[in-house]
Amino acid sequence: VQAVQTIVSQFYDAEFVSLAVPSGVSEQPMSSEETREGAIHRARHAF
């Protein structure tokens, strides 16, 4: 959360909200593809 806030707040005046959302992948992703898929799922669930 802090990483996103630090970067984005340099460019935008924004309200930040963090939500616990599912990744839809293994608790420990075991490939770059599965890890990418987890990031996409989290972003889509958070939107």
All heavy atoms as atom14 arrays in JSON, in Angstrom:
{
  "sequence": "VQAVQTIVSQFYDAEFVSLAVPSGVSEQPMSSEETREGAIHRARHAF",
  "atom14_mask": [
    [1, 1, 1, 1, 1, 1, 1, 0, 0, 0, 0, 0, 0, 0],
    [1, 1, 1, 1, 1, 1, 1, 1, 1, 0, 0, 0, 0, 0],
    [1, 1, 1, 1, 1, 0, 0, 0, 0, 0, 0, 0, 0, 0],
    [1, 1, 1, 1, 1, 1, 1, 0, 0, 0, 0, 0, 0, 0],
    [1, 1, 1, 1, 1, 1, 1, 1, 1, 0, 0, 0, 0, 0],
    [1, 1, 1, 1, 1, 1, 1, 0, 0, 0, 0, 0, 0, 0],
    [1, 1, 1, 1, 1, 1, 1, 1, 0, 0, 0, 0, 0, 0],
    [1, 1, 1, 1, 1, 1, 1, 0, 0, 0, 0, 0, 0, 0],
    [1, 1, 1, 1, 1, 1, 0, 0, 0, 0, 0, 0, 0, 0],
    [1, 1, 1, 1, 1, 1, 1, 1, 1, 0, 0, 0, 0, 0],
    [1, 1, 1, 1, 1, 1, 1, 1, 1, 1, 1, 0, 0, 0],
    [1, 1, 1, 1, 1, 1, 1, 1, 1, 1, 1, 1, 0, 0],
    [1, 1, 1, 1, 1, 1, 1, 1, 0, 0, 0, 0, 0, 0],
    [1, 1, 1, 1, 1, 0, 0, 0, 0, 0, 0, 0, 0, 0],
    [1, 1, 1, 1, 1, 1, 1, 1, 1, 0, 0, 0, 0, 0],
    [1, 1, 1, 1, 1, 1, 1, 1, 1, 1, 1, 0, 0, 0],
    [1, 1, 1, 1, 1, 1, 1, 0, 0, 0, 0, 0, 0, 0],
    [1, 1, 1, 1, 1, 1, 0, 0, 0, 0, 0, 0, 0, 0],
    [1, 1, 1, 1, 1, 1, 1, 1, 0, 0, 0, 0, 0, 0],
    [1, 1, 1, 1, 1, 0, 0, 0, 0, 0, 0, 0, 0, 0],
    [1, 1, 1, 1, 1, 1, 1, 0, 0, 0, 0, 0, 0, 0],
    [1, 1, 1, 1, 1, 1, 1, 0, 0, 0, 0, 0, 0, 0],
    [1, 1, 1, 1, 1, 1, 0, 0, 0, 0, 0, 0, 0, 0],
    [1, 1, 1, 1, 0, 0, 0, 0, 0, 0, 0, 0, 0, 0],
    [1, 1, 1, 1, 1, 1, 1, 0, 0, 0, 0, 0, 0, 0],
    [1, 1, 1, 1, 1, 1, 0, 0, 0, 0, 0, 0, 0, 0],
    [1, 1, 1, 1, 1, 1, 1, 1, 1, 0, 0, 0, 0, 0],
    [1, 1, 1, 1, 1, 1, 1, 1, 1, 0, 0, 0, 0, 0],
    [1, 1, 1, 1, 1, 1, 1, 0, 0, 0, 0, 0, 0, 0],
    [1, 1, 1, 1, 1, 1, 1, 1, 0, 0, 0, 0, 0, 0],
    [1, 1, 1, 1, 1, 1, 0, 0, 0, 0, 0, 0, 0, 0],
    [1, 1, 1, 1, 1, 1, 0, 0, 0, 0, 0, 0, 0, 0],
    [1, 1, 1, 1, 1, 1, 1, 1, 1, 0, 0, 0, 0, 0],
    [1, 1, 1, 1, 1, 1, 1, 1, 1, 0, 0, 0, 0, 0],
    [1, 1, 1, 1, 1, 1, 1, 0, 0, 0, 0, 0, 0, 0],
    [1, 1, 1, 1, 1, 1, 1, 1, 1, 1, 1, 0, 0, 0],
    [1, 1, 1, 1, 1, 1, 1, 1, 1, 0, 0, 0, 0, 0],
    [1, 1, 1, 1, 0, 0, 0, 0, 0, 0, 0, 0, 0, 0],
    [1, 1, 1, 1, 1, 0, 0, 0, 0, 0, 0, 0, 0, 0],
    [1, 1, 1, 1, 1, 1, 1, 1, 0, 0, 0, 0, 0, 0],
    [1, 1, 1, 1, 1, 1, 1, 1, 1, 1, 0, 0, 0, 0],
    [1, 1, 1, 1, 1, 1, 1, 1, 1, 1, 1, 0, 0, 0],
    [1, 1, 1, 1, 1, 0, 0, 0, 0, 0, 0, 0, 0, 0],
    [1, 1, 1, 1, 1, 1, 1, 1, 1, 1, 1, 0, 0, 0],
    [1, 1, 1, 1, 1, 1, 1, 1, 1, 1, 0, 0, 0, 0],
    [1, 1, 1, 1, 1, 0, 0, 0, 0, 0, 0, 0, 0, 0],
    [1, 1, 1, 1, 1, 1, 1, 1, 1, 1, 1, 0, 0, 0]
  ],
  "atom14_positions": [
    [[0.84, -1.2, 0.0], [0.0, 0.0, 0.0], [0.88, 1.25, 0.0], [0.67, 2.18, -0.78], [-0.96, 0.0, 1.21], [-1.66, 1.34, 1.36], [-1.98, -1.14, 1.07], [0.0, 0.0, 0.0], [0.0, 0.0, 0.0], [0.0, 0.0, 0.0], [0.0, 0.0, 0.0], [0.0, 0.0, 0.0], [0.0, 0.0, 0.0], [0.0, 0.0, 0.0]],
    [[1.88, 1.26, 0.87], [2.78, 2.41, 0.96], [3.54, 2.64, -0.35], [3.73, 3.78, -0.78], [3.78, 2.23, 2.1], [4.7, 3.42, 2.32], [3.95, 4.67, 2.73], [3.07, 4.62, 3.58], [4.27, 5.79, 2.13], [0.0, 0.0, 0.0], [0.0, 0.0, 0.0], [0.0, 0.0, 0.0], [0.0, 0.0, 0.0], [0.0, 0.0, 0.0]],
    [[3.94, 1.57, -1.01], [4.66, 1.7, -2.28], [3.79, 2.39, -3.33], [4.24, 3.31, -4.02], [5.1, 0.32, -2.78], [0.0, 0.0, 0.0], [0.0, 0.0, 0.0], [0.0, 0.0, 0.0], [0.0, 0.0, 0.0], [0.0, 0.0, 0.0], [0.0, 0.0, 0.0], [0.0, 0.0, 0.0], [0.0, 0.0, 0.0], [0.0, 0.0, 0.0]],
    [[2.54, 1.96, -3.45], [1.64, 2.58, -4.42], [1.39, 4.04, -4.05], [1.48, 4.93, -4.9], [0.31, 1.8, -4.53], [-0.71, 2.57, -5.37], [0.54, 0.41, -5.1], [0.0, 0.0, 0.0], [0.0, 0.0, 0.0], [0.0, 0.0, 0.0], [0.0, 0.0, 0.0], [0.0, 0.0, 0.0], [0.0, 0.0, 0.0], [0.0, 0.0, 0.0]],
    [[1.11, 4.31, -2.79], [0.84, 5.68, -2.36], [2.04, 6.6, -2.62], [1.86, 7.72, -3.09], [0.49, 5.71, -0.87], [-0.86, 5.12, -0.56], [-1.15, 5.07, 0.92], [-0.25, 4.99, 1.75], [-2.43, 5.09, 1.27], [0.0, 0.0, 0.0], [0.0, 0.0, 0.0], [0.0, 0.0, 0.0], [0.0, 0.0, 0.0], [0.0, 0.0, 0.0]],
    [[3.23, 6.13, -2.33], [4.43, 6.94, -2.51], [4.61, 7.34, -3.96], [4.9, 8.5, -4.27], [5.67, 6.18, -2.0], [5.51, 5.94, -0.59], [6.94, 6.97, -2.23], [0.0, 0.0, 0.0], [0.0, 0.0, 0.0], [0.0, 0.0, 0.0], [0.0, 0.0, 0.0], [0.0, 0.0, 0.0], [0.0, 0.0, 0.0], [0.0, 0.0, 0.0]],
    [[4.46, 6.4, -4.86], [4.66, 6.68, -6.28], [3.53, 7.53, -6.85], [3.74, 8.56, -7.47], [4.81, 5.38, -7.09], [6.06, 4.61, -6.63], [4.85, 5.65, -8.58], [7.36, 5.37, -6.75], [0.0, 0.0, 0.0], [0.0, 0.0, 0.0], [0.0, 0.0, 0.0], [0.0, 0.0, 0.0], [0.0, 0.0, 0.0], [0.0, 0.0, 0.0]],
    [[2.3, 7.09, -6.64], [1.15, 7.74, -7.28], [0.94, 9.16, -6.74], [0.59, 10.06, -7.51], [-0.12, 6.88, -7.12], [-1.34, 7.6, -7.67], [0.06, 5.55, -7.82], [0.0, 0.0, 0.0], [0.0, 0.0, 0.0], [0.0, 0.0, 0.0], [0.0, 0.0, 0.0], [0.0, 0.0, 0.0], [0.0, 0.0, 0.0], [0.0, 0.0, 0.0]],
    [[1.18, 9.38, -5.46], [0.95, 10.71, -4.89], [1.92, 11.77, -5.44], [1.67, 12.96, -5.28], [1.01, 10.67, -3.36], [2.3, 10.29, -2.93], [0.0, 0.0, 0.0], [0.0, 0.0, 0.0], [0.0, 0.0, 0.0], [0.0, 0.0, 0.0], [0.0, 0.0, 0.0], [0.0, 0.0, 0.0], [0.0, 0.0, 0.0], [0.0, 0.0, 0.0]],
    [[2.97, 11.34, -6.1], [3.87, 12.29, -6.76], [3.21, 12.92, -7.98], [3.61, 14.0, -8.42], [5.16, 11.59, -7.2], [6.02, 11.1, -6.07], [7.24, 10.38, -6.59], [7.93, 10.86, -7.49], [7.53, 9.22, -6.01], [0.0, 0.0, 0.0], [0.0, 0.0, 0.0], [0.0, 0.0, 0.0], [0.0, 0.0, 0.0], [0.0, 0.0, 0.0]],
    [[2.2, 12.26, -8.52], [1.58, 12.7, -9.76], [0.12, 13.12, -9.61], [-0.38, 13.91, -10.41], [1.66, 11.58, -10.82], [3.06, 11.13, -11.09], [3.57, 9.99, -10.48], [3.89, 11.88, -11.92], [4.88, 9.58, -10.72], [5.2, 11.48, -12.16], [5.7, 10.33, -11.56], [0.0, 0.0, 0.0], [0.0, 0.0, 0.0], [0.0, 0.0, 0.0]],
    [[-0.57, 12.56, -8.6], [-1.99, 12.82, -8.45], [-2.33, 13.13, -7.0], [-1.75, 12.56, -6.08], [-2.82, 11.59, -8.86], [-2.63, 11.17, -10.29], [-1.85, 10.06, -10.61], [-3.25, 11.86, -11.33], [-1.68, 9.66, -11.93], [-3.09, 11.46, -12.65], [-2.3, 10.37, -12.93], [-2.13, 9.98, -14.24], [0.0, 0.0, 0.0], [0.0, 0.0, 0.0]],
    [[-3.3, 14.0, -6.82], [-3.89, 14.24, -5.52], [-5.06, 13.25, -5.43], [-6.06, 13.42, -6.15], [-4.38, 15.68, -5.41], [-4.98, 15.99, -4.05], [-4.63, 15.3, -3.07], [-5.81, 16.91, -3.98], [0.0, 0.0, 0.0], [0.0, 0.0, 0.0], [0.0, 0.0, 0.0], [0.0, 0.0, 0.0], [0.0, 0.0, 0.0], [0.0, 0.0, 0.0]],
    [[-4.91, 12.23, -4.62], [-5.88, 11.14, -4.65], [-6.24, 10.67, -3.26], [-5.48, 10.83, -2.31], [-5.32, 9.97, -5.45], [0.0, 0.0, 0.0], [0.0, 0.0, 0.0], [0.0, 0.0, 0.0], [0.0, 0.0, 0.0], [0.0, 0.0, 0.0], [0.0, 0.0, 0.0], [0.0, 0.0, 0.0], [0.0, 0.0, 0.0], [0.0, 0.0, 0.0]],
    [[-7.41, 10.06, -3.18], [-7.85, 9.33, -2.0], [-7.46, 7.88, -2.23], [-7.79, 7.31, -3.28], [-9.36, 9.45, -1.82], [-9.92, 8.54, -0.75], [-11.45, 8.45, -0.79], [-12.09, 9.11, -1.63], [-11.98, 7.67, 0.01], [0.0, 0.0, 0.0], [0.0, 0.0, 0.0], [0.0, 0.0, 0.0], [0.0, 0.0, 0.0], [0.0, 0.0, 0.0]],
    [[-6.75, 7.27, -1.29], [-6.33, 5.87, -1.41], [-7.15, 5.0, -0.47], [-7.35, 5.35, 0.69], [-4.84, 5.72, -1.07], [-3.93, 6.39, -2.04], [-3.48, 7.69, -1.81], [-3.51, 5.75, -3.19], [-2.63, 8.31, -2.7], [-2.66, 6.37, -4.1], [-2.22, 7.66, -3.85], [0.0, 0.0, 0.0], [0.0, 0.0, 0.0], [0.0, 0.0, 0.0]],
    [[-7.59, 3.87, -1.0], [-8.32, 2.9, -0.19], [-7.69, 1.53, -0.45], [-7.44, 1.17, -1.61], [-9.82, 2.86, -0.59], [-10.56, 1.79, 0.18], [-10.46, 4.22, -0.4], [0.0, 0.0, 0.0], [0.0, 0.0, 0.0], [0.0, 0.0, 0.0], [0.0, 0.0, 0.0], [0.0, 0.0, 0.0], [0.0, 0.0, 0.0], [0.0, 0.0, 0.0]],
    [[-7.42, 0.79, 0.61], [-6.9, -0.57, 0.43], [-7.98, -1.58, 0.79], [-8.69, -1.41, 1.78], [-5.64, -0.8, 1.26], [-5.92, -0.73, 2.64], [0.0, 0.0, 0.0], [0.0, 0.0, 0.0], [0.0, 0.0, 0.0], [0.0, 0.0, 0.0], [0.0, 0.0, 0.0], [0.0, 0.0, 0.0], [0.0, 0.0, 0.0], [0.0, 0.0, 0.0]],
    [[-8.11, -2.6, -0.05], [-9.11, -3.64, 0.14], [-8.45, -5.01, 0.11], [-7.58, -5.25, -0.72], [-10.15, -3.6, -0.97], [-11.02, -2.36, -1.14], [-11.91, -2.53, -2.36], [-11.86, -2.13, 0.11], [0.0, 0.0, 0.0], [0.0, 0.0, 0.0], [0.0, 0.0, 0.0], [0.0, 0.0, 0.0], [0.0, 0.0, 0.0], [0.0, 0.0, 0.0]],
    [[-8.9, -5.89, 0.97], [-8.47, -7.29, 0.9], [-9.28, -7.95, -0.21], [-10.5, -8.01, -0.14], [-8.7, -7.99, 2.24], [0.0, 0.0, 0.0], [0.0, 0.0, 0.0], [0.0, 0.0, 0.0], [0.0, 0.0, 0.0], [0.0, 0.0, 0.0], [0.0, 0.0, 0.0], [0.0, 0.0, 0.0], [0.0, 0.0, 0.0], [0.0, 0.0, 0.0]],
    [[-8.6, -8.38, -1.25], [-9.27, -9.02, -2.39], [-8.53, -10.31, -2.74], [-7.33, -10.45, -2.48], [-9.32, -8.09, -3.62], [-10.17, -6.86, -3.33], [-7.94, -7.68, -4.08], [0.0, 0.0, 0.0], [0.0, 0.0, 0.0], [0.0, 0.0, 0.0], [0.0, 0.0, 0.0], [0.0, 0.0, 0.0], [0.0, 0.0, 0.0], [0.0, 0.0, 0.0]],
    [[-9.23, -11.26, -3.36], [-8.57, -12.52, -3.72], [-7.68, -12.38, -4.95], [-7.96, -11.58, -5.85], [-9.75, -13.45, -4.02], [-10.85, -12.54, -4.45], [-10.66, -11.26, -3.67], [0.0, 0.0, 0.0], [0.0, 0.0, 0.0], [0.0, 0.0, 0.0], [0.0, 0.0, 0.0], [0.0, 0.0, 0.0], [0.0, 0.0, 0.0], [0.0, 0.0, 0.0]],
    [[-6.61, -13.17, -4.95], [-5.72, -13.19, -6.11], [-6.19, -14.19, -7.15], [-5.84, -14.07, -8.32], [-4.29, -13.52, -5.69], [-4.21, -14.87, -5.26], [0.0, 0.0, 0.0], [0.0, 0.0, 0.0], [0.0, 0.0, 0.0], [0.0, 0.0, 0.0], [0.0, 0.0, 0.0], [0.0, 0.0, 0.0], [0.0, 0.0, 0.0], [0.0, 0.0, 0.0]],
    [[-6.92, -15.21, -6.71], [-7.38, -16.23, -7.63], [-6.28, -17.19, -8.07], [-6.49, -17.97, -9.0], [0.0, 0.0, 0.0], [0.0, 0.0, 0.0], [0.0, 0.0, 0.0], [0.0, 0.0, 0.0], [0.0, 0.0, 0.0], [0.0, 0.0, 0.0], [0.0, 0.0, 0.0], [0.0, 0.0, 0.0], [0.0, 0.0, 0.0], [0.0, 0.0, 0.0]],
    [[-5.12, -17.12, -7.42], [-4.01, -18.02, -7.73], [-3.53, -18.67, -6.44], [-4.04, -18.39, -5.36], [-2.84, -17.28, -8.45], [-3.3, -16.69, -9.78], [-2.24, -16.2, -7.57], [0.0, 0.0, 0.0], [0.0, 0.0, 0.0], [0.0, 0.0, 0.0], [0.0, 0.0, 0.0], [0.0, 0.0, 0.0], [0.0, 0.0, 0.0], [0.0, 0.0, 0.0]],
    [[-2.52, -19.53, -6.55], [-1.96, -20.2, -5.38], [-1.46, -19.19, -4.36], [-1.07, -18.07, -4.72], [-0.76, -21.06, -5.79], [-1.1, -21.96, -6.8], [0.0, 0.0, 0.0], [0.0, 0.0, 0.0], [0.0, 0.0, 0.0], [0.0, 0.0, 0.0], [0.0, 0.0, 0.0], [0.0, 0.0, 0.0], [0.0, 0.0, 0.0], [0.0, 0.0, 0.0]],
    [[-1.46, -19.59, -3.09], [-0.92, -18.72, -2.04], [0.52, -18.34, -2.36], [0.96, -17.22, -2.1], [-1.01, -19.41, -0.68], [-0.65, -18.49, 0.47], [-0.92, -19.11, 1.82], [-1.87, -19.92, 1.94], [-0.18, -18.8, 2.76], [0.0, 0.0, 0.0], [0.0, 0.0, 0.0], [0.0, 0.0, 0.0], [0.0, 0.0, 0.0], [0.0, 0.0, 0.0]],
    [[1.27, -19.28, -2.93], [2.63, -19.02, -3.4], [2.67, -19.29, -4.89], [2.86, -20.43, -5.32], [3.65, -19.92, -2.69], [5.07, -19.78, -3.2], [5.6, -18.36, -3.08], [5.89, -17.9, -1.99], [5.72, -17.66, -4.19], [0.0, 0.0, 0.0], [0.0, 0.0, 0.0], [0.0, 0.0, 0.0], [0.0, 0.0, 0.0], [0.0, 0.0, 0.0]],
    [[2.46, -18.26, -5.72], [2.52, -18.47, -7.17], [3.88, -19.05, -7.58], [4.92, -18.6, -7.1], [2.31, -17.07, -7.74], [1.59, -16.32, -6.66], [2.14, -16.87, -5.38], [0.0, 0.0, 0.0], [0.0, 0.0, 0.0], [0.0, 0.0, 0.0], [0.0, 0.0, 0.0], [0.0, 0.0, 0.0], [0.0, 0.0, 0.0], [0.0, 0.0, 0.0]],
    [[3.85, -20.03, -8.47], [5.06, -20.77, -8.82], [5.55, -20.52, -10.24], [6.34, -21.3, -10.77], [4.84, -22.27, -8.6], [4.59, -22.65, -7.15], [5.95, -22.22, -6.03], [7.22, -23.33, -6.57], [0.0, 0.0, 0.0], [0.0, 0.0, 0.0], [0.0, 0.0, 0.0], [0.0, 0.0, 0.0], [0.0, 0.0, 0.0], [0.0, 0.0, 0.0]],
    [[5.1, -19.43, -10.85], [5.6, -19.06, -12.18], [5.35, -17.57, -12.38], [4.5, -16.97, -11.7], [4.91, -19.86, -13.29], [3.55, -19.45, -13.4], [0.0, 0.0, 0.0], [0.0, 0.0, 0.0], [0.0, 0.0, 0.0], [0.0, 0.0, 0.0], [0.0, 0.0, 0.0], [0.0, 0.0, 0.0], [0.0, 0.0, 0.0], [0.0, 0.0, 0.0]],
    [[6.07, -17.0, -13.31], [5.85, -15.6, -13.64], [4.42, -15.39, -14.16], [3.76, -14.4, -13.84], [6.88, -15.13, -14.66], [6.77, -13.76, -14.89], [0.0, 0.0, 0.0], [0.0, 0.0, 0.0], [0.0, 0.0, 0.0], [0.0, 0.0, 0.0], [0.0, 0.0, 0.0], [0.0, 0.0, 0.0], [0.0, 0.0, 0.0], [0.0, 0.0, 0.0]],
    [[3.94, -16.34, -14.95], [2.59, -16.24, -15.52], [1.53, -16.26, -14.43], [0.58, -15.47, -14.47], [2.34, -17.4, -16.52], [3.2, -17.34, -17.76], [4.62, -17.88, -17.58], [4.93, -18.47, -16.52], [5.44, -17.7, -18.5], [0.0, 0.0, 0.0], [0.0, 0.0, 0.0], [0.0, 0.0, 0.0], [0.0, 0.0, 0.0], [0.0, 0.0, 0.0]],
    [[1.67, -17.17, -13.46], [0.7, -17.25, -12.37], [0.77, -16.0, -11.5], [-0.26, -15.49, -11.04], [0.95, -18.5, -11.52], [-0.09, -18.69, -10.43], [0.16, -19.89, -9.55], [1.28, -20.45, -9.55], [-0.79, -20.27, -8.83], [0.0, 0.0, 0.0], [0.0, 0.0, 0.0], [0.0, 0.0, 0.0], [0.0, 0.0, 0.0], [0.0, 0.0, 0.0]],
    [[1.97, -15.47, -11.28], [2.14, -14.26, -10.48], [1.47, -13.08, -11.17], [0.77, -12.29, -10.54], [3.64, -13.99, -10.25], [4.23, -15.16, -9.67], [3.84, -12.82, -9.31], [0.0, 0.0, 0.0], [0.0, 0.0, 0.0], [0.0, 0.0, 0.0], [0.0, 0.0, 0.0], [0.0, 0.0, 0.0], [0.0, 0.0, 0.0], [0.0, 0.0, 0.0]],
    [[1.67, -12.94, -12.48], [1.03, -11.87, -13.26], [-0.49, -12.0, -13.18], [-1.2, -11.02, -12.99], [1.49, -11.93, -14.71], [0.87, -10.86, -15.59], [1.44, -10.95, -17.03], [0.85, -9.96, -17.89], [-0.25, -10.16, -18.61], [-0.87, -11.35, -18.6], [-0.73, -9.2, -19.37], [0.0, 0.0, 0.0], [0.0, 0.0, 0.0], [0.0, 0.0, 0.0]],
    [[-0.98, -13.22, -13.33], [-2.42, -13.46, -13.26], [-2.98, -13.02, -11.91], [-4.05, -12.4, -11.83], [-2.7, -14.95, -13.5], [-4.16, -15.31, -13.51], [-4.38, -16.81, -13.72], [-3.49, -17.49, -14.25], [-5.47, -17.27, -13.35], [0.0, 0.0, 0.0], [0.0, 0.0, 0.0], [0.0, 0.0, 0.0], [0.0, 0.0, 0.0], [0.0, 0.0, 0.0]],
    [[-2.24, -13.3, -10.84], [-2.68, -12.88, -9.49], [-2.77, -11.37, -9.36], [-3.71, -10.84, -8.76], [0.0, 0.0, 0.0], [0.0, 0.0, 0.0], [0.0, 0.0, 0.0], [0.0, 0.0, 0.0], [0.0, 0.0, 0.0], [0.0, 0.0, 0.0], [0.0, 0.0, 0.0], [0.0, 0.0, 0.0], [0.0, 0.0, 0.0], [0.0, 0.0, 0.0]],
    [[-1.8, -10.65, -9.92], [-1.83, -9.18, -9.88], [-3.04, -8.64, -10.64], [-3.72, -7.72, -10.17], [-0.53, -8.61, -10.46], [0.0, 0.0, 0.0], [0.0, 0.0, 0.0], [0.0, 0.0, 0.0], [0.0, 0.0, 0.0], [0.0, 0.0, 0.0], [0.0, 0.0, 0.0], [0.0, 0.0, 0.0], [0.0, 0.0, 0.0], [0.0, 0.0, 0.0]],
    [[-3.31, -9.22, -11.79], [-4.46, -8.78, -12.59], [-5.77, -9.04, -11.85], [-6.64, -8.17, -11.77], [-4.47, -9.47, -13.97], [-3.28, -8.99, -14.81], [-5.79, -9.24, -14.7], [-3.03, -9.79, -16.08], [0.0, 0.0, 0.0], [0.0, 0.0, 0.0], [0.0, 0.0, 0.0], [0.0, 0.0, 0.0], [0.0, 0.0, 0.0], [0.0, 0.0, 0.0]],
    [[-5.89, -10.23, -11.26], [-7.12, -10.55, -10.5], [-7.32, -9.57, -9.36], [-8.43, -9.1, -9.13], [-7.05, -11.98, -9.95], [-7.27, -13.04, -10.96], [-8.4, -13.81, -11.02], [-6.48, -13.48, -11.96], [-8.31, -14.66, -12.0], [-7.14, -14.48, -12.6], [0.0, 0.0, 0.0], [0.0, 0.0, 0.0], [0.0, 0.0, 0.0], [0.0, 0.0, 0.0]],
    [[-6.24, -9.28, -8.63], [-6.36, -8.35, -7.49], [-6.82, -6.97, -7.96], [-7.69, -6.35, -7.34], [-5.03, -8.23, -6.75], [-4.7, -9.46, -5.93], [-3.4, -9.23, -5.13], [-2.96, -10.44, -4.47], [-3.45, -10.92, -3.34], [-4.43, -10.29, -2.73], [-2.96, -12.03, -2.81], [0.0, 0.0, 0.0], [0.0, 0.0, 0.0], [0.0, 0.0, 0.0]],
    [[-6.22, -6.47, -9.05], [-6.61, -5.15, -9.55], [-8.06, -5.14, -10.01], [-8.81, -4.2, -9.73], [-5.67, -4.73, -10.67], [0.0, 0.0, 0.0], [0.0, 0.0, 0.0], [0.0, 0.0, 0.0], [0.0, 0.0, 0.0], [0.0, 0.0, 0.0], [0.0, 0.0, 0.0], [0.0, 0.0, 0.0], [0.0, 0.0, 0.0], [0.0, 0.0, 0.0]],
    [[-8.47, -6.18, -10.72], [-9.86, -6.23, -11.22], [-10.87, -6.35, -10.09], [-11.92, -5.73, -10.13], [-10.01, -7.38, -12.22], [-9.32, -7.05, -13.54], [-9.51, -8.11, -14.58], [-8.87, -7.7, -15.83], [-8.55, -8.53, -16.8], [-8.83, -9.82, -16.7], [-7.97, -8.07, -17.9], [0.0, 0.0, 0.0], [0.0, 0.0, 0.0], [0.0, 0.0, 0.0]],
    [[-10.55, -7.14, -9.06], [-11.44, -7.26, -7.91], [-11.5, -5.95, -7.13], [-12.52, -5.64, -6.52], [-10.99, -8.39, -6.98], [-11.3, -9.76, -7.49], [-12.57, -10.24, -7.69], [-10.48, -10.77, -7.85], [-12.53, -11.47, -8.15], [-11.26, -11.83, -8.26], [0.0, 0.0, 0.0], [0.0, 0.0, 0.0], [0.0, 0.0, 0.0], [0.0, 0.0, 0.0]],
    [[-10.41, -5.2, -7.14], [-10.36, -3.94, -6.39], [-11.05, -2.79, -7.12], [-11.4, -1.79, -6.51], [-8.9, -3.57, -6.11], [0.0, 0.0, 0.0], [0.0, 0.0, 0.0], [0.0, 0.0, 0.0], [0.0, 0.0, 0.0], [0.0, 0.0, 0.0], [0.0, 0.0, 0.0], [0.0, 0.0, 0.0], [0.0, 0.0, 0.0], [0.0, 0.0, 0.0]],
    [[-11.26, -2.93, -8.42], [-11.89, -1.85, -9.19], [-13.39, -1.84, -8.9], [-14.19, -2.45, -9.59], [-11.61, -2.0, -10.69], [-11.94, -0.76, -11.47], [-11.09, 0.33, -11.45], [-13.11, -0.67, -12.2], [-11.4, 1.49, -12.14], [-13.42, 0.48, -12.91], [-12.57, 1.56, -12.88], [0.0, 0.0, 0.0], [0.0, 0.0, 0.0], [0.0, 0.0, 0.0]]
  ]
}
